[in-house]
Amino acid sequence: MKNLRLKSARALKDMSQEDLAKEVNVSRQTINAIEKGDYNPTIRLCISICKVLGVTLNDLFWEEENP
């Protein structure tokens, strides 16, 4: 499942995938894979991303259940 919330939060901070990757010490390809839903990041990486973007884990990574 694509992570459009991550892409949106990154865009709101006017950050490229490369910018975010440098901040959290991963490759741009890793950020791309997370946004595409091809990679499930570790909780440590999730927390790092959230800190850089100024959002919570729930904001970016919590999946709502469909009733």
PDB file of N, CA and C in Angstrom:
ATOM      1  N   MET A   1       0.840  -1.178   0.000  1.00  0.00           N
ATOM      2  CA  MET A   1       0.000   0.000   0.000  1.00  0.00           C
ATOM      3  C   MET A   1       0.891   1.249   0.000  1.00  0.00           C
ATOM      4  N   LYS A   2       0.633   2.154  -0.918  1.00  0.00           N
ATOM      5  CA  LYS A   2       1.423   3.375  -1.026  1.00  0.00           C
ATOM      6  C   LYS A   2       1.277   4.214   0.238  1.00  0.00           C
ATOM      7  N   ASN A   3       2.351   4.896   0.590  1.00  0.00           N
ATOM      8  CA  ASN A   3       2.312   5.793   1.736  1.00  0.00           C
ATOM      9  C   ASN A   3       2.262   7.229   1.232  1.00  0.00           C
ATOM     10  N   LEU A   4       1.075   7.648   0.857  1.00  0.00           N
ATOM     11  CA  LEU A   4       0.891   9.005   0.347  1.00  0.00           C
ATOM     12  C   LEU A   4       1.002  10.042   1.455  1.00  0.00           C
ATOM     13  N   ARG A   5       0.757   9.615   2.694  1.00  0.00           N
ATOM     14  CA  ARG A   5       0.882  10.552   3.819  1.00  0.00           C
ATOM     15  C   ARG A   5       2.342  10.956   4.010  1.00  0.00           C
ATOM     16  N   LEU A   6       3.254  10.027   3.828  1.00  0.00           N
ATOM     17  CA  LEU A   6       4.675  10.361   3.923  1.00  0.00           C
ATOM     18  C   LEU A   6       5.057  11.329   2.812  1.00  0.00           C
ATOM     19  N   LYS A   7       4.635  11.037   1.613  1.00  0.00           N
ATOM     20  CA  LYS A   7       4.944  11.910   0.468  1.00  0.00           C
ATOM     21  C   LYS A   7       4.386  13.312   0.697  1.00  0.00           C
ATOM     22  N   SER A   8       3.174  13.392   1.213  1.00  0.00           N
ATOM     23  CA  SER A   8       2.533  14.677   1.472  1.00  0.00           C
ATOM     24  C   SER A   8       3.264  15.452   2.574  1.00  0.00           C
ATOM     25  N   ALA A   9       3.608  14.770   3.663  1.00  0.00           N
ATOM     26  CA  ALA A   9       4.310  15.429   4.770  1.00  0.00           C
ATOM     27  C   ALA A   9       5.680  15.937   4.317  1.00  0.00           C
ATOM     28  N   ARG A  10       6.331  15.156   3.487  1.00  0.00           N
ATOM     29  CA  ARG A  10       7.631  15.558   2.946  1.00  0.00           C
ATOM     30  C   ARG A  10       7.473  16.797   2.061  1.00  0.00           C
ATOM     31  N   ALA A  11       6.441  16.799   1.241  1.00  0.00           N
ATOM     32  CA  ALA A  11       6.188  17.939   0.347  1.00  0.00           C
ATOM     33  C   ALA A  11       5.864  19.209   1.142  1.00  0.00           C
ATOM     34  N   LEU A  12       5.121  19.049   2.239  1.00  0.00           N
ATOM     35  CA  LEU A  12       4.781  20.211   3.075  1.00  0.00           C
ATOM     36  C   LEU A  12       6.027  20.863   3.673  1.00  0.00           C
ATOM     37  N   LYS A  13       7.055  20.064   3.888  1.00  0.00           N
ATOM     38  CA  LYS A  13       8.332  20.584   4.401  1.00  0.00           C
ATOM     39  C   LYS A  13       9.261  21.002   3.267  1.00  0.00           C
ATOM     40  N   ASP A  14       8.754  20.914   2.035  1.00  0.00           N
ATOM     41  CA  ASP A  14       9.524  21.275   0.843  1.00  0.00           C
ATOM     42  C   ASP A  14      10.837  20.488   0.779  1.00  0.00           C
ATOM     43  N   MET A  15      10.720  19.176   1.045  1.00  0.00           N
ATOM     44  CA  MET A  15      11.881  18.298   1.022  1.00  0.00           C
ATOM     45  C   MET A  15      11.760  17.305  -0.124  1.00  0.00           C
ATOM     46  N   SER A  16      12.864  17.065  -0.787  1.00  0.00           N
ATOM     47  CA  SER A  16      12.904  16.011  -1.800  1.00  0.00           C
ATOM     48  C   SER A  16      13.132  14.678  -1.083  1.00  0.00           C
ATOM     49  N   GLN A  17      12.992  13.596  -1.827  1.00  0.00           N
ATOM     50  CA  GLN A  17      13.315  12.291  -1.251  1.00  0.00           C
ATOM     51  C   GLN A  17      14.776  12.274  -0.815  1.00  0.00           C
ATOM     52  N   GLU A  18      15.626  12.864  -1.607  1.00  0.00           N
ATOM     53  CA  GLU A  18      17.055  12.926  -1.289  1.00  0.00           C
ATOM     54  C   GLU A  18      17.304  13.694   0.002  1.00  0.00           C
ATOM     55  N   ASP A  19      16.609  14.836   0.176  1.00  0.00           N
ATOM     56  CA  ASP A  19      16.760  15.635   1.394  1.00  0.00           C
ATOM     57  C   ASP A  19      16.384  14.816   2.631  1.00  0.00           C
ATOM     58  N   LEU A  20      15.236  14.167   2.568  1.00  0.00           N
ATOM     59  CA  LEU A  20      14.775  13.368   3.703  1.00  0.00           C
ATOM     60  C   LEU A  20      15.725  12.204   3.957  1.00  0.00           C
ATOM     61  N   ALA A  21      16.162  11.556   2.908  1.00  0.00           N
ATOM     62  CA  ALA A  21      17.082  10.424   3.051  1.00  0.00           C
ATOM     63  C   ALA A  21      18.362  10.842   3.777  1.00  0.00           C
ATOM     64  N   LYS A  22      18.908  11.986   3.399  1.00  0.00           N
ATOM     65  CA  LYS A  22      20.127  12.472   4.061  1.00  0.00           C
ATOM     66  C   LYS A  22      19.877  12.739   5.542  1.00  0.00           C
ATOM     67  N   GLU A  23      18.729  13.312   5.860  1.00  0.00           N
ATOM     68  CA  GLU A  23      18.406  13.636   7.251  1.00  0.00           C
ATOM     69  C   GLU A  23      18.286  12.391   8.135  1.00  0.00           C
ATOM     70  N   VAL A  24      17.793  11.300   7.559  1.00  0.00           N
ATOM     71  CA  VAL A  24      17.583  10.084   8.353  1.00  0.00           C
ATOM     72  C   VAL A  24      18.633   9.010   8.065  1.00  0.00           C
ATOM     73  N   ASN A  25      19.635   9.375   7.264  1.00  0.00           N
ATOM     74  CA  ASN A  25      20.780   8.507   7.012  1.00  0.00           C
ATOM     75  C   ASN A  25      20.427   7.196   6.300  1.00  0.00           C
ATOM     76  N   VAL A  26      19.616   7.320   5.244  1.00  0.00           N
ATOM     77  CA  VAL A  26      19.316   6.182   4.364  1.00  0.00           C
ATOM     78  C   VAL A  26      19.459   6.657   2.925  1.00  0.00           C
ATOM     79  N   SER A  27      19.281   5.761   1.981  1.00  0.00           N
ATOM     80  CA  SER A  27      19.371   6.151   0.578  1.00  0.00           C
ATOM     81  C   SER A  27      18.037   6.737   0.098  1.00  0.00           C
ATOM     82  N   ARG A  28      18.113   7.498  -0.984  1.00  0.00           N
ATOM     83  CA  ARG A  28      16.898   8.027  -1.590  1.00  0.00           C
ATOM     84  C   ARG A  28      15.999   6.882  -2.031  1.00  0.00           C
ATOM     85  N   GLN A  29      16.602   5.800  -2.482  1.00  0.00           N
ATOM     86  CA  GLN A  29      15.827   4.644  -2.931  1.00  0.00           C
ATOM     87  C   GLN A  29      15.006   4.050  -1.789  1.00  0.00           C
ATOM     88  N   THR A  30      15.525   4.109  -0.569  1.00  0.00           N
ATOM     89  CA  THR A  30      14.778   3.610   0.586  1.00  0.00           C
ATOM     90  C   THR A  30      13.530   4.451   0.813  1.00  0.00           C
ATOM     91  N   ILE A  31      13.667   5.769   0.753  1.00  0.00           N
ATOM     92  CA  ILE A  31      12.505   6.655   0.931  1.00  0.00           C
ATOM     93  C   ILE A  31      11.504   6.395  -0.194  1.00  0.00           C
ATOM     94  N   ASN A  32      11.989   6.255  -1.399  1.00  0.00           N
ATOM     95  CA  ASN A  32      11.120   5.967  -2.534  1.00  0.00           C
ATOM     96  C   ASN A  32      10.359   4.652  -2.319  1.00  0.00           C
ATOM     97  N   ALA A  33      11.055   3.636  -1.864  1.00  0.00           N
ATOM     98  CA  ALA A  33      10.426   2.328  -1.637  1.00  0.00           C
ATOM     99  C   ALA A  33       9.370   2.399  -0.536  1.00  0.00           C
ATOM    100  N   ILE A  34       9.623   3.185   0.506  1.00  0.00           N
ATOM    101  CA  ILE A  34       8.630   3.354   1.574  1.00  0.00           C
ATOM    102  C   ILE A  34       7.386   4.034   1.006  1.00  0.00           C
ATOM    103  N   GLU A  35       7.580   5.101   0.248  1.00  0.00           N
ATOM    104  CA  GLU A  35       6.445   5.829  -0.328  1.00  0.00           C
ATOM    105  C   GLU A  35       5.651   4.956  -1.296  1.00  0.00           C
ATOM    106  N   LYS A  36       6.331   4.083  -2.031  1.00  0.00           N
ATOM    107  CA  LYS A  36       5.652   3.205  -2.984  1.00  0.00           C
ATOM    108  C   LYS A  36       4.998   2.003  -2.300  1.00  0.00           C
ATOM    109  N   GLY A  37       5.334   1.776  -1.036  1.00  0.00           N
ATOM    110  CA  GLY A  37       4.786   0.634  -0.324  1.00  0.00           C
ATOM    111  C   GLY A  37       5.538  -0.649  -0.567  1.00  0.00           C
ATOM    112  N   ASP A  38       6.751  -0.535  -1.096  1.00  0.00           N
ATOM    113  CA  ASP A  38       7.564  -1.707  -1.393  1.00  0.00           C
ATOM    114  C   ASP A  38       8.490  -2.096  -0.240  1.00  0.00           C
ATOM    115  N   TYR A  39       8.549  -1.266   0.792  1.00  0.00           N
ATOM    116  CA  TYR A  39       9.465  -1.512   1.904  1.00  0.00           C
ATOM    117  C   TYR A  39       8.811  -1.076   3.200  1.00  0.00           C
ATOM    118  N   ASN A  40       8.870  -1.946   4.208  1.00  0.00           N
ATOM    119  CA  ASN A  40       8.375  -1.612   5.539  1.00  0.00           C
ATOM    120  C   ASN A  40       9.560  -1.217   6.405  1.00  0.00           C
ATOM    121  N   PRO A  41       9.643   0.054   6.766  1.00  0.00           N
ATOM    122  CA  PRO A  41      10.799   0.517   7.534  1.00  0.00           C
ATOM    123  C   PRO A  41      10.763   0.004   8.974  1.00  0.00           C
ATOM    124  N   THR A  42      11.924  -0.012   9.594  1.00  0.00           N
ATOM    125  CA  THR A  42      12.015  -0.364  11.004  1.00  0.00           C
ATOM    126  C   THR A  42      11.353   0.731  11.828  1.00  0.00           C
ATOM    127  N   ILE A  43      11.008   0.406  13.058  1.00  0.00           N
ATOM    128  CA  ILE A  43      10.404   1.412  13.927  1.00  0.00           C
ATOM    129  C   ILE A  43      11.384   2.550  14.171  1.00  0.00           C
ATOM    130  N   ARG A  44      12.654   2.236  14.257  1.00  0.00           N
ATOM    131  CA  ARG A  44      13.672   3.282  14.458  1.00  0.00           C
ATOM    132  C   ARG A  44      13.681   4.263  13.285  1.00  0.00           C
ATOM    133  N   LEU A  45      13.599   3.742  12.062  1.00  0.00           N
ATOM    134  CA  LEU A  45      13.557   4.610  10.892  1.00  0.00           C
ATOM    135  C   LEU A  45      12.258   5.407  10.856  1.00  0.00           C
ATOM    136  N   CYS A  46      11.155   4.772  11.196  1.00  0.00           N
ATOM    137  CA  CYS A  46       9.868   5.478  11.250  1.00  0.00           C
ATOM    138  C   CYS A  46       9.946   6.666  12.202  1.00  0.00           C
ATOM    139  N   ILE A  47      10.521   6.443  13.380  1.00  0.00           N
ATOM    140  CA  ILE A  47      10.639   7.510  14.375  1.00  0.00           C
ATOM    141  C   ILE A  47      11.532   8.627  13.852  1.00  0.00           C
ATOM    142  N   SER A  48      12.628   8.280  13.221  1.00  0.00           N
ATOM    143  CA  SER A  48      13.531   9.292  12.657  1.00  0.00           C
ATOM    144  C   SER A  48      12.828  10.143  11.606  1.00  0.00           C
ATOM    145  N   ILE A  49      12.097   9.489  10.729  1.00  0.00           N
ATOM    146  CA  ILE A  49      11.358  10.204   9.686  1.00  0.00           C
ATOM    147  C   ILE A  49      10.350  11.158  10.320  1.00  0.00           C
ATOM    148  N   CYS A  50       9.620  10.677  11.308  1.00  0.00           N
ATOM    149  CA  CYS A  50       8.610  11.504  11.972  1.00  0.00           C
ATOM    150  C   CYS A  50       9.239  12.721  12.648  1.00  0.00           C
ATOM    151  N   LYS A  51      10.374  12.521  13.299  1.00  0.00           N
ATOM    152  CA  LYS A  51      11.049  13.648  13.956  1.00  0.00           C
ATOM    153  C   LYS A  51      11.454  14.711  12.940  1.00  0.00           C
ATOM    154  N   VAL A  52      12.024  14.274  11.828  1.00  0.00           N
ATOM    155  CA  VAL A  52      12.462  15.225  10.797  1.00  0.00           C
ATOM    156  C   VAL A  52      11.272  15.980  10.216  1.00  0.00           C
ATOM    157  N   LEU A  53      10.155  15.285  10.009  1.00  0.00           N
ATOM    158  CA  LEU A  53       8.988  15.906   9.378  1.00  0.00           C
ATOM    159  C   LEU A  53       8.059  16.592  10.382  1.00  0.00           C
ATOM    160  N   GLY A  54       8.313  16.400  11.677  1.00  0.00           N
ATOM    161  CA  GLY A  54       7.506  17.050  12.702  1.00  0.00           C
ATOM    162  C   GLY A  54       6.095  16.496  12.804  1.00  0.00           C
ATOM    163  N   VAL A  55       5.968  15.190  12.627  1.00  0.00           N
ATOM    164  CA  VAL A  55       4.660  14.530  12.709  1.00  0.00           C
ATOM    165  C   VAL A  55       4.778  13.312  13.625  1.00  0.00           C
ATOM    166  N   THR A  56       3.648  12.662  13.904  1.00  0.00           N
ATOM    167  CA  THR A  56       3.650  11.494  14.769  1.00  0.00           C
ATOM    168  C   THR A  56       3.679  10.211  13.937  1.00  0.00           C
ATOM    169  N   LEU A  57       3.979   9.123  14.608  1.00  0.00           N
ATOM    170  CA  LEU A  57       3.923   7.815  13.947  1.00  0.00           C
ATOM    171  C   LEU A  57       2.528   7.562  13.399  1.00  0.00           C
ATOM    172  N   ASN A  58       1.511   7.905  14.178  1.00  0.00           N
ATOM    173  CA  ASN A  58       0.136   7.711  13.720  1.00  0.00           C
ATOM    174  C   ASN A  58      -0.154   8.509  12.460  1.00  0.00           C
ATOM    175  N   ASP A  59       0.383   9.715  12.381  1.00  0.00           N
ATOM    176  CA  ASP A  59       0.151  10.559  11.198  1.00  0.00           C
ATOM    177  C   ASP A  59       0.629   9.882   9.915  1.00  0.00           C
ATOM    178  N   LEU A  60       1.752   9.197   9.989  1.00  0.00           N
ATOM    179  CA  LEU A  60       2.356   8.646   8.773  1.00  0.00           C
ATOM    180  C   LEU A  60       2.169   7.158   8.567  1.00  0.00           C
ATOM    181  N   PHE A  61       2.135   6.397   9.654  1.00  0.00           N
ATOM    182  CA  PHE A  61       2.241   4.957   9.483  1.00  0.00           C
ATOM    183  C   PHE A  61       1.068   4.133  10.008  1.00  0.00           C
ATOM    184  N   TRP A  62       0.111   4.753  10.677  1.00  0.00           N
ATOM    185  CA  TRP A  62      -1.031   3.990  11.191  1.00  0.00           C
ATOM    186  C   TRP A  62      -2.030   3.749  10.075  1.00  0.00           C
ATOM    187  N   GLU A  63      -2.380   2.494   9.870  1.00  0.00           N
ATOM    188  CA  GLU A  63      -3.354   2.162   8.831  1.00  0.00           C
ATOM    189  C   GLU A  63      -4.735   2.077   9.459  1.00  0.00           C
ATOM    190  N   GLU A  64      -5.640   2.868   8.946  1.00  0.00           N
ATOM    191  CA  GLU A  64      -7.024   2.840   9.412  1.00  0.00           C
ATOM    192  C   GLU A  64      -7.710   1.574   8.921  1.00  0.00           C
ATOM    193  N   GLU A  65      -8.467   0.951   9.805  1.00  0.00           N
ATOM    194  CA  GLU A  65      -9.234  -0.223   9.398  1.00  0.00           C
ATOM    195  C   GLU A  65     -10.528   0.237   8.738  1.00  0.00           C
ATOM    196  N   ASN A  66     -10.881  -0.413   7.662  1.00  0.00           N
ATOM    197  CA  ASN A  66     -12.145  -0.103   7.004  1.00  0.00           C
ATOM    198  C   ASN A  66     -13.263  -0.858   7.699  1.00  0.00           C
ATOM    199  N   PRO A  67     -14.343  -0.155   8.103  1.00  0.00           N
ATOM    200  CA  PRO A  67     -15.437  -0.828   8.802  1.00  0.00           C
ATOM    201  C   PRO A  67     -16.200  -1.792   7.919  1.00  0.00           C
TER     202      PRO A  67
END
